[in-house]
Amino acid sequence: MERRTDAELQEGIWHHDHPDEPVLLYSETGDGYESRKVDLFRDGRQDYADESTSIGTTFLGQERNRRSKRSRPMRSSRCS
């Protein structure tokens, strides 16, 4: 997979008590669409998805990434 120079990286921390849900979420987007995603679970499991692969329960979003006024944005940084 070719590395995009216009990609935005997002990191999310999810505080909850559900063992089947991830606690750390990493997402790479370009043009508003996810291109890669990693979900990390409390038990150490790591699920992954990109444009051609989906491992575990993780998959890429099908819709354009738009921030809701009600949701808190995840910490993000630009790739260079």
PDB file of N, CA and C in Angstrom:
ATOM      1  N   MET A   1       0.840  -1.177   0.000  1.00  0.00           N
ATOM      2  CA  MET A   1       0.000   0.000   0.000  1.00  0.00           C
ATOM      3  C   MET A   1       0.884   1.238   0.000  1.00  0.00           C
ATOM      4  N   GLU A   2       0.579   2.153  -0.856  1.00  0.00           N
ATOM      5  CA  GLU A   2       1.352   3.381  -0.979  1.00  0.00           C
ATOM      6  C   GLU A   2       0.987   4.346   0.154  1.00  0.00           C
ATOM      7  N   ARG A   3       1.980   4.942   0.775  1.00  0.00           N
ATOM      8  CA  ARG A   3       1.729   5.883   1.874  1.00  0.00           C
ATOM      9  C   ARG A   3       1.256   7.213   1.314  1.00  0.00           C
ATOM     10  N   ARG A   4       0.143   7.698   1.841  1.00  0.00           N
ATOM     11  CA  ARG A   4      -0.434   8.965   1.388  1.00  0.00           C
ATOM     12  C   ARG A   4       0.212  10.123   2.140  1.00  0.00           C
ATOM     13  N   THR A   5       0.486  11.208   1.451  1.00  0.00           N
ATOM     14  CA  THR A   5       1.064  12.377   2.107  1.00  0.00           C
ATOM     15  C   THR A   5      -0.010  13.332   2.591  1.00  0.00           C
ATOM     16  N   ASP A   6      -1.268  13.147   2.161  1.00  0.00           N
ATOM     17  CA  ASP A   6      -2.356  14.025   2.587  1.00  0.00           C
ATOM     18  C   ASP A   6      -3.225  13.371   3.650  1.00  0.00           C
ATOM     19  N   ALA A   7      -2.752  12.291   4.267  1.00  0.00           N
ATOM     20  CA  ALA A   7      -3.544  11.546   5.234  1.00  0.00           C
ATOM     21  C   ALA A   7      -3.602  12.261   6.576  1.00  0.00           C
ATOM     22  N   GLU A   8      -4.730  12.093   7.249  1.00  0.00           N
ATOM     23  CA  GLU A   8      -4.898  12.597   8.615  1.00  0.00           C
ATOM     24  C   GLU A   8      -4.987  11.397   9.535  1.00  0.00           C
ATOM     25  N   LEU A   9      -4.191  11.398  10.600  1.00  0.00           N
ATOM     26  CA  LEU A   9      -4.205  10.313  11.579  1.00  0.00           C
ATOM     27  C   LEU A   9      -5.028  10.739  12.776  1.00  0.00           C
ATOM     28  N   GLN A  10      -5.885   9.828  13.248  1.00  0.00           N
ATOM     29  CA  GLN A  10      -6.716  10.101  14.410  1.00  0.00           C
ATOM     30  C   GLN A  10      -6.513   9.004  15.437  1.00  0.00           C
ATOM     31  N   GLU A  11      -6.499   9.401  16.712  1.00  0.00           N
ATOM     32  CA  GLU A  11      -6.365   8.465  17.816  1.00  0.00           C
ATOM     33  C   GLU A  11      -7.526   8.697  18.764  1.00  0.00           C
ATOM     34  N   GLY A  12      -8.200   7.629  19.151  1.00  0.00           N
ATOM     35  CA  GLY A  12      -9.302   7.752  20.095  1.00  0.00           C
ATOM     36  C   GLY A  12      -9.117   6.815  21.270  1.00  0.00           C
ATOM     37  N   ILE A  13      -9.451   7.287  22.455  1.00  0.00           N
ATOM     38  CA  ILE A  13      -9.423   6.465  23.664  1.00  0.00           C
ATOM     39  C   ILE A  13     -10.864   6.314  24.115  1.00  0.00           C
ATOM     40  N   TRP A  14     -11.310   5.075  24.297  1.00  0.00           N
ATOM     41  CA  TRP A  14     -12.695   4.804  24.672  1.00  0.00           C
ATOM     42  C   TRP A  14     -12.707   4.204  26.070  1.00  0.00           C
ATOM     43  N   HIS A  15     -13.269   4.927  27.025  1.00  0.00           N
ATOM     44  CA  HIS A  15     -13.361   4.473  28.418  1.00  0.00           C
ATOM     45  C   HIS A  15     -14.679   3.720  28.600  1.00  0.00           C
ATOM     46  N   HIS A  16     -14.601   2.416  28.871  1.00  0.00           N
ATOM     47  CA  HIS A  16     -15.795   1.591  29.056  1.00  0.00           C
ATOM     48  C   HIS A  16     -15.401   0.288  29.745  1.00  0.00           C
ATOM     49  N   ASP A  17     -16.397  -0.533  30.065  1.00  0.00           N
ATOM     50  CA  ASP A  17     -16.163  -1.815  30.736  1.00  0.00           C
ATOM     51  C   ASP A  17     -16.565  -3.009  29.870  1.00  0.00           C
ATOM     52  N   HIS A  18     -16.643  -2.859  28.564  1.00  0.00           N
ATOM     53  CA  HIS A  18     -17.067  -3.926  27.659  1.00  0.00           C
ATOM     54  C   HIS A  18     -15.842  -4.657  27.103  1.00  0.00           C
ATOM     55  N   PRO A  19     -15.622  -5.923  27.483  1.00  0.00           N
ATOM     56  CA  PRO A  19     -14.418  -6.638  27.044  1.00  0.00           C
ATOM     57  C   PRO A  19     -14.349  -6.904  25.541  1.00  0.00           C
ATOM     58  N   ASP A  20     -15.489  -6.877  24.859  1.00  0.00           N
ATOM     59  CA  ASP A  20     -15.509  -7.159  23.422  1.00  0.00           C
ATOM     60  C   ASP A  20     -15.385  -5.911  22.560  1.00  0.00           C
ATOM     61  N   GLU A  21     -15.146  -4.760  23.161  1.00  0.00           N
ATOM     62  CA  GLU A  21     -15.017  -3.499  22.422  1.00  0.00           C
ATOM     63  C   GLU A  21     -13.608  -2.934  22.596  1.00  0.00           C
ATOM     64  N   PRO A  22     -13.063  -2.261  21.580  1.00  0.00           N
ATOM     65  CA  PRO A  22     -11.702  -1.713  21.674  1.00  0.00           C
ATOM     66  C   PRO A  22     -11.612  -0.549  22.663  1.00  0.00           C
ATOM     67  N   VAL A  23     -10.422  -0.355  23.209  1.00  0.00           N
ATOM     68  CA  VAL A  23     -10.177   0.765  24.119  1.00  0.00           C
ATOM     69  C   VAL A  23      -9.325   1.851  23.467  1.00  0.00           C
ATOM     70  N   LEU A  24      -8.530   1.494  22.455  1.00  0.00           N
ATOM     71  CA  LEU A  24      -7.758   2.452  21.669  1.00  0.00           C
ATOM     72  C   LEU A  24      -8.112   2.264  20.203  1.00  0.00           C
ATOM     73  N   LEU A  25      -8.352   3.367  19.507  1.00  0.00           N
ATOM     74  CA  LEU A  25      -8.731   3.309  18.098  1.00  0.00           C
ATOM     75  C   LEU A  25      -7.826   4.247  17.315  1.00  0.00           C
ATOM     76  N   TYR A  26      -7.243   3.742  16.251  1.00  0.00           N
ATOM     77  CA  TYR A  26      -6.406   4.546  15.367  1.00  0.00           C
ATOM     78  C   TYR A  26      -6.999   4.485  13.966  1.00  0.00           C
ATOM     79  N   SER A  27      -7.092   5.629  13.308  1.00  0.00           N
ATOM     80  CA  SER A  27      -7.679   5.685  11.979  1.00  0.00           C
ATOM     81  C   SER A  27      -6.886   6.639  11.102  1.00  0.00           C
ATOM     82  N   GLU A  28      -6.669   6.241   9.858  1.00  0.00           N
ATOM     83  CA  GLU A  28      -6.021   7.095   8.874  1.00  0.00           C
ATOM     84  C   GLU A  28      -7.063   7.425   7.810  1.00  0.00           C
ATOM     85  N   THR A  29      -7.248   8.711   7.545  1.00  0.00           N
ATOM     86  CA  THR A  29      -8.215   9.128   6.538  1.00  0.00           C
ATOM     87  C   THR A  29      -7.534  10.005   5.499  1.00  0.00           C
ATOM     88  N   GLY A  30      -8.080   9.979   4.322  1.00  0.00           N
ATOM     89  CA  GLY A  30      -7.643  10.832   3.223  1.00  0.00           C
ATOM     90  C   GLY A  30      -8.865  11.159   2.388  1.00  0.00           C
ATOM     91  N   ASP A  31      -9.037  12.389   2.020  1.00  0.00           N
ATOM     92  CA  ASP A  31     -10.218  12.828   1.270  1.00  0.00           C
ATOM     93  C   ASP A  31     -11.502  12.551   2.041  1.00  0.00           C
ATOM     94  N   GLY A  32     -11.421  12.457   3.366  1.00  0.00           N
ATOM     95  CA  GLY A  32     -12.606  12.239   4.186  1.00  0.00           C
ATOM     96  C   GLY A  32     -13.003  10.788   4.374  1.00  0.00           C
ATOM     97  N   TYR A  33     -12.296   9.848   3.753  1.00  0.00           N
ATOM     98  CA  TYR A  33     -12.619   8.431   3.858  1.00  0.00           C
ATOM     99  C   TYR A  33     -11.502   7.688   4.578  1.00  0.00           C
ATOM    100  N   GLU A  34     -11.871   6.689   5.389  1.00  0.00           N
ATOM    101  CA  GLU A  34     -10.860   5.889   6.062  1.00  0.00           C
ATOM    102  C   GLU A  34     -10.091   5.047   5.056  1.00  0.00           C
ATOM    103  N   SER A  35      -8.771   4.963   5.265  1.00  0.00           N
ATOM    104  CA  SER A  35      -7.953   4.104   4.425  1.00  0.00           C
ATOM    105  C   SER A  35      -7.287   2.991   5.233  1.00  0.00           C
ATOM    106  N   ARG A  36      -7.083   3.217   6.540  1.00  0.00           N
ATOM    107  CA  ARG A  36      -6.541   2.193   7.438  1.00  0.00           C
ATOM    108  C   ARG A  36      -7.103   2.424   8.831  1.00  0.00           C
ATOM    109  N   LYS A  37      -7.222   1.331   9.580  1.00  0.00           N
ATOM    110  CA  LYS A  37      -7.755   1.433  10.934  1.00  0.00           C
ATOM    111  C   LYS A  37      -7.188   0.302  11.789  1.00  0.00           C
ATOM    112  N   VAL A  38      -6.855   0.609  13.053  1.00  0.00           N
ATOM    113  CA  VAL A  38      -6.396  -0.383  14.024  1.00  0.00           C
ATOM    114  C   VAL A  38      -7.197  -0.186  15.298  1.00  0.00           C
ATOM    115  N   ASP A  39      -7.753  -1.281  15.823  1.00  0.00           N
ATOM    116  CA  ASP A  39      -8.459  -1.258  17.102  1.00  0.00           C
ATOM    117  C   ASP A  39      -7.687  -2.123  18.090  1.00  0.00           C
ATOM    118  N   LEU A  40      -7.379  -1.573  19.264  1.00  0.00           N
ATOM    119  CA  LEU A  40      -6.647  -2.297  20.306  1.00  0.00           C
ATOM    120  C   LEU A  40      -7.597  -2.581  21.460  1.00  0.00           C
ATOM    121  N   PHE A  41      -7.561  -3.821  21.954  1.00  0.00           N
ATOM    122  CA  PHE A  41      -8.468  -4.267  22.999  1.00  0.00           C
ATOM    123  C   PHE A  41      -7.731  -4.414  24.327  1.00  0.00           C
ATOM    124  N   ARG A  42      -8.480  -4.378  25.403  1.00  0.00           N
ATOM    125  CA  ARG A  42      -7.926  -4.459  26.752  1.00  0.00           C
ATOM    126  C   ARG A  42      -7.112  -5.741  26.951  1.00  0.00           C
ATOM    127  N   ASP A  43      -7.522  -6.847  26.309  1.00  0.00           N
ATOM    128  CA  ASP A  43      -6.827  -8.125  26.480  1.00  0.00           C
ATOM    129  C   ASP A  43      -5.587  -8.253  25.593  1.00  0.00           C
ATOM    130  N   GLY A  44      -5.231  -7.200  24.842  1.00  0.00           N
ATOM    131  CA  GLY A  44      -4.049  -7.211  23.999  1.00  0.00           C
ATOM    132  C   GLY A  44      -4.327  -7.529  22.535  1.00  0.00           C
ATOM    133  N   ARG A  45      -5.545  -7.944  22.223  1.00  0.00           N
ATOM    134  CA  ARG A  45      -5.897  -8.247  20.831  1.00  0.00           C
ATOM    135  C   ARG A  45      -5.840  -6.980  19.993  1.00  0.00           C
ATOM    136  N   GLN A  46      -5.416  -7.126  18.739  1.00  0.00           N
ATOM    137  CA  GLN A  46      -5.330  -6.013  17.798  1.00  0.00           C
ATOM    138  C   GLN A  46      -6.043  -6.413  16.515  1.00  0.00           C
ATOM    139  N   ASP A  47      -7.084  -5.679  16.142  1.00  0.00           N
ATOM    140  CA  ASP A  47      -7.790  -5.904  14.889  1.00  0.00           C
ATOM    141  C   ASP A  47      -7.390  -4.806  13.917  1.00  0.00           C
ATOM    142  N   TYR A  48      -7.403  -5.126  12.617  1.00  0.00           N
ATOM    143  CA  TYR A  48      -6.876  -4.223  11.605  1.00  0.00           C
ATOM    144  C   TYR A  48      -7.746  -4.263  10.359  1.00  0.00           C
ATOM    145  N   ALA A  49      -7.823  -3.141   9.668  1.00  0.00           N
ATOM    146  CA  ALA A  49      -8.494  -3.108   8.367  1.00  0.00           C
ATOM    147  C   ALA A  49      -7.812  -2.071   7.487  1.00  0.00           C
ATOM    148  N   ASP A  50      -7.752  -2.383   6.189  1.00  0.00           N
ATOM    149  CA  ASP A  50      -7.351  -1.402   5.190  1.00  0.00           C
ATOM    150  C   ASP A  50      -8.255  -1.606   3.979  1.00  0.00           C
ATOM    151  N   GLU A  51      -7.896  -1.033   2.856  1.00  0.00           N
ATOM    152  CA  GLU A  51      -8.774  -1.073   1.688  1.00  0.00           C
ATOM    153  C   GLU A  51      -8.939  -2.472   1.106  1.00  0.00           C
ATOM    154  N   SER A  52      -8.039  -3.411   1.448  1.00  0.00           N
ATOM    155  CA  SER A  52      -8.137  -4.768   0.891  1.00  0.00           C
ATOM    156  C   SER A  52      -8.231  -5.867   1.942  1.00  0.00           C
ATOM    157  N   THR A  53      -8.077  -5.539   3.225  1.00  0.00           N
ATOM    158  CA  THR A  53      -8.014  -6.545   4.279  1.00  0.00           C
ATOM    159  C   THR A  53      -8.848  -6.118   5.478  1.00  0.00           C
ATOM    160  N   SER A  54      -9.478  -7.098   6.133  1.00  0.00           N
ATOM    161  CA  SER A  54     -10.176  -6.856   7.396  1.00  0.00           C
ATOM    162  C   SER A  54      -9.889  -8.038   8.307  1.00  0.00           C
ATOM    163  N   ILE A  55      -9.272  -7.756   9.464  1.00  0.00           N
ATOM    164  CA  ILE A  55      -8.914  -8.795  10.417  1.00  0.00           C
ATOM    165  C   ILE A  55      -9.698  -8.559  11.696  1.00  0.00           C
ATOM    166  N   GLY A  56     -10.365  -9.615  12.193  1.00  0.00           N
ATOM    167  CA  GLY A  56     -11.175  -9.489  13.402  1.00  0.00           C
ATOM    168  C   GLY A  56     -12.473  -8.764  13.111  1.00  0.00           C
ATOM    169  N   THR A  57     -12.889  -7.921  14.041  1.00  0.00           N
ATOM    170  CA  THR A  57     -14.176  -7.218  13.924  1.00  0.00           C
ATOM    171  C   THR A  57     -14.031  -5.823  13.331  1.00  0.00           C
ATOM    172  N   THR A  58     -12.820  -5.427  12.960  1.00  0.00           N
ATOM    173  CA  THR A  58     -12.563  -4.078  12.456  1.00  0.00           C
ATOM    174  C   THR A  58     -12.796  -4.004  10.948  1.00  0.00           C
ATOM    175  N   PHE A  59     -13.450  -2.937  10.518  1.00  0.00           N
ATOM    176  CA  PHE A  59     -13.674  -2.695   9.098  1.00  0.00           C
ATOM    177  C   PHE A  59     -13.654  -1.195   8.861  1.00  0.00           C
ATOM    178  N   LEU A  60     -13.426  -0.782   7.632  1.00  0.00           N
ATOM    179  CA  LEU A  60     -13.396   0.641   7.295  1.00  0.00           C
ATOM    180  C   LEU A  60     -14.811   1.176   7.191  1.00  0.00           C
ATOM    181  N   GLY A  61     -14.972   2.438   7.572  1.00  0.00           N
ATOM    182  CA  GLY A  61     -16.256   3.097   7.407  1.00  0.00           C
ATOM    183  C   GLY A  61     -16.568   3.272   5.932  1.00  0.00           C
ATOM    184  N   GLN A  62     -17.823   3.142   5.565  1.00  0.00           N
ATOM    185  CA  GLN A  62     -18.240   3.243   4.172  1.00  0.00           C
ATOM    186  C   GLN A  62     -18.636   4.659   3.775  1.00  0.00           C
ATOM    187  N   GLU A  63     -18.884   5.509   4.765  1.00  0.00           N
ATOM    188  CA  GLU A  63     -19.329   6.869   4.477  1.00  0.00           C
ATOM    189  C   GLU A  63     -18.213   7.864   4.745  1.00  0.00           C
ATOM    190  N   ARG A  64     -18.336   9.018   4.133  1.00  0.00           N
ATOM    191  CA  ARG A  64     -17.368  10.097   4.323  1.00  0.00           C
ATOM    192  C   ARG A  64     -17.334  10.474   5.796  1.00  0.00           C
ATOM    193  N   ASN A  65     -16.142  10.700   6.324  1.00  0.00           N
ATOM    194  CA  ASN A  65     -15.951  11.052   7.727  1.00  0.00           C
ATOM    195  C   ASN A  65     -16.320  12.510   7.949  1.00  0.00           C
ATOM    196  N   ARG A  66     -17.409  12.728   8.656  1.00  0.00           N
ATOM    197  CA  ARG A  66     -17.838  14.093   8.997  1.00  0.00           C
ATOM    198  C   ARG A  66     -17.974  14.179  10.504  1.00  0.00           C
ATOM    199  N   ARG A  67     -17.457  15.226  11.078  1.00  0.00           N
ATOM    200  CA  ARG A  67     -17.542  15.392  12.527  1.00  0.00           C
ATOM    201  C   ARG A  67     -18.892  15.966  12.913  1.00  0.00           C
ATOM    202  N   SER A  68     -19.510  15.327  13.874  1.00  0.00           N
ATOM    203  CA  SER A  68     -20.793  15.791  14.386  1.00  0.00           C
ATOM    204  C   SER A  68     -20.563  16.889  15.411  1.00  0.00           C
ATOM    205  N   LYS A  69     -21.475  17.829  15.496  1.00  0.00           N
ATOM    206  CA  LYS A  69     -21.354  18.894  16.493  1.00  0.00           C
ATOM    207  C   LYS A  69     -21.458  18.331  17.904  1.00  0.00           C
ATOM    208  N   ARG A  70     -22.122  17.167  18.050  1.00  0.00           N
ATOM    209  CA  ARG A  70     -22.307  16.577  19.370  1.00  0.00           C
ATOM    210  C   ARG A  70     -21.134  15.719  19.796  1.00  0.00           C
ATOM    211  N   SER A  71     -20.312  15.256  18.874  1.00  0.00           N
ATOM    212  CA  SER A  71     -19.217  14.366  19.238  1.00  0.00           C
ATOM    213  C   SER A  71     -17.935  15.154  19.496  1.00  0.00           C
ATOM    214  N   ARG A  72     -17.122  14.624  20.402  1.00  0.00           N
ATOM    215  CA  ARG A  72     -15.814  15.216  20.662  1.00  0.00           C
ATOM    216  C   ARG A  72     -14.845  14.729  19.605  1.00  0.00           C
ATOM    217  N   PRO A  73     -14.106  15.621  18.953  1.00  0.00           N
ATOM    218  CA  PRO A  73     -13.140  15.155  17.957  1.00  0.00           C
ATOM    219  C   PRO A  73     -12.007  14.390  18.618  1.00  0.00           C
ATOM    220  N   MET A  74     -11.494  13.381  17.908  1.00  0.00           N
ATOM    221  CA  MET A  74     -10.338  12.645  18.399  1.00  0.00           C
ATOM    222  C   MET A  74      -9.101  13.491  18.177  1.00  0.00           C
ATOM    223  N   ARG A  75      -8.087  13.247  18.971  1.00  0.00           N
ATOM    224  CA  ARG A  75      -6.806  13.920  18.772  1.00  0.00           C
ATOM    225  C   ARG A  75      -6.282  13.520  17.407  1.00  0.00           C
ATOM    226  N   SER A  76      -5.798  14.451  16.642  1.00  0.00           N
ATOM    227  CA  SER A  76      -5.330  14.101  15.302  1.00  0.00           C
ATOM    228  C   SER A  76      -4.051  14.841  14.973  1.00  0.00           C
ATOM    229  N   SER A  77      -3.351  14.321  13.970  1.00  0.00           N
ATOM    230  CA  SER A  77      -2.136  14.983  13.496  1.00  0.00           C
ATOM    231  C   SER A  77      -2.004  14.729  12.016  1.00  0.00           C
ATOM    232  N   ARG A  78      -1.332  15.604  11.301  1.00  0.00           N
ATOM    233  CA  ARG A  78      -1.140  15.475   9.855  1.00  0.00           C
ATOM    234  C   ARG A  78       0.144  14.716   9.567  1.00  0.00           C
ATOM    235  N   CYS A  79       0.106  13.862   8.546  1.00  0.00           N
ATOM    236  CA  CYS A  79       1.330  13.200   8.069  1.00  0.00           C
ATOM    237  C   CYS A  79       2.089  14.178   7.193  1.00  0.00           C
ATOM    238  N   SER A  80       3.379  14.056   7.180  1.00  0.00           N
ATOM    239  CA  SER A  80       4.151  14.888   6.265  1.00  0.00           C
ATOM    240  C   SER A  80       4.985  14.051   5.344  1.00  0.00           C
TER     241      SER A  80
END
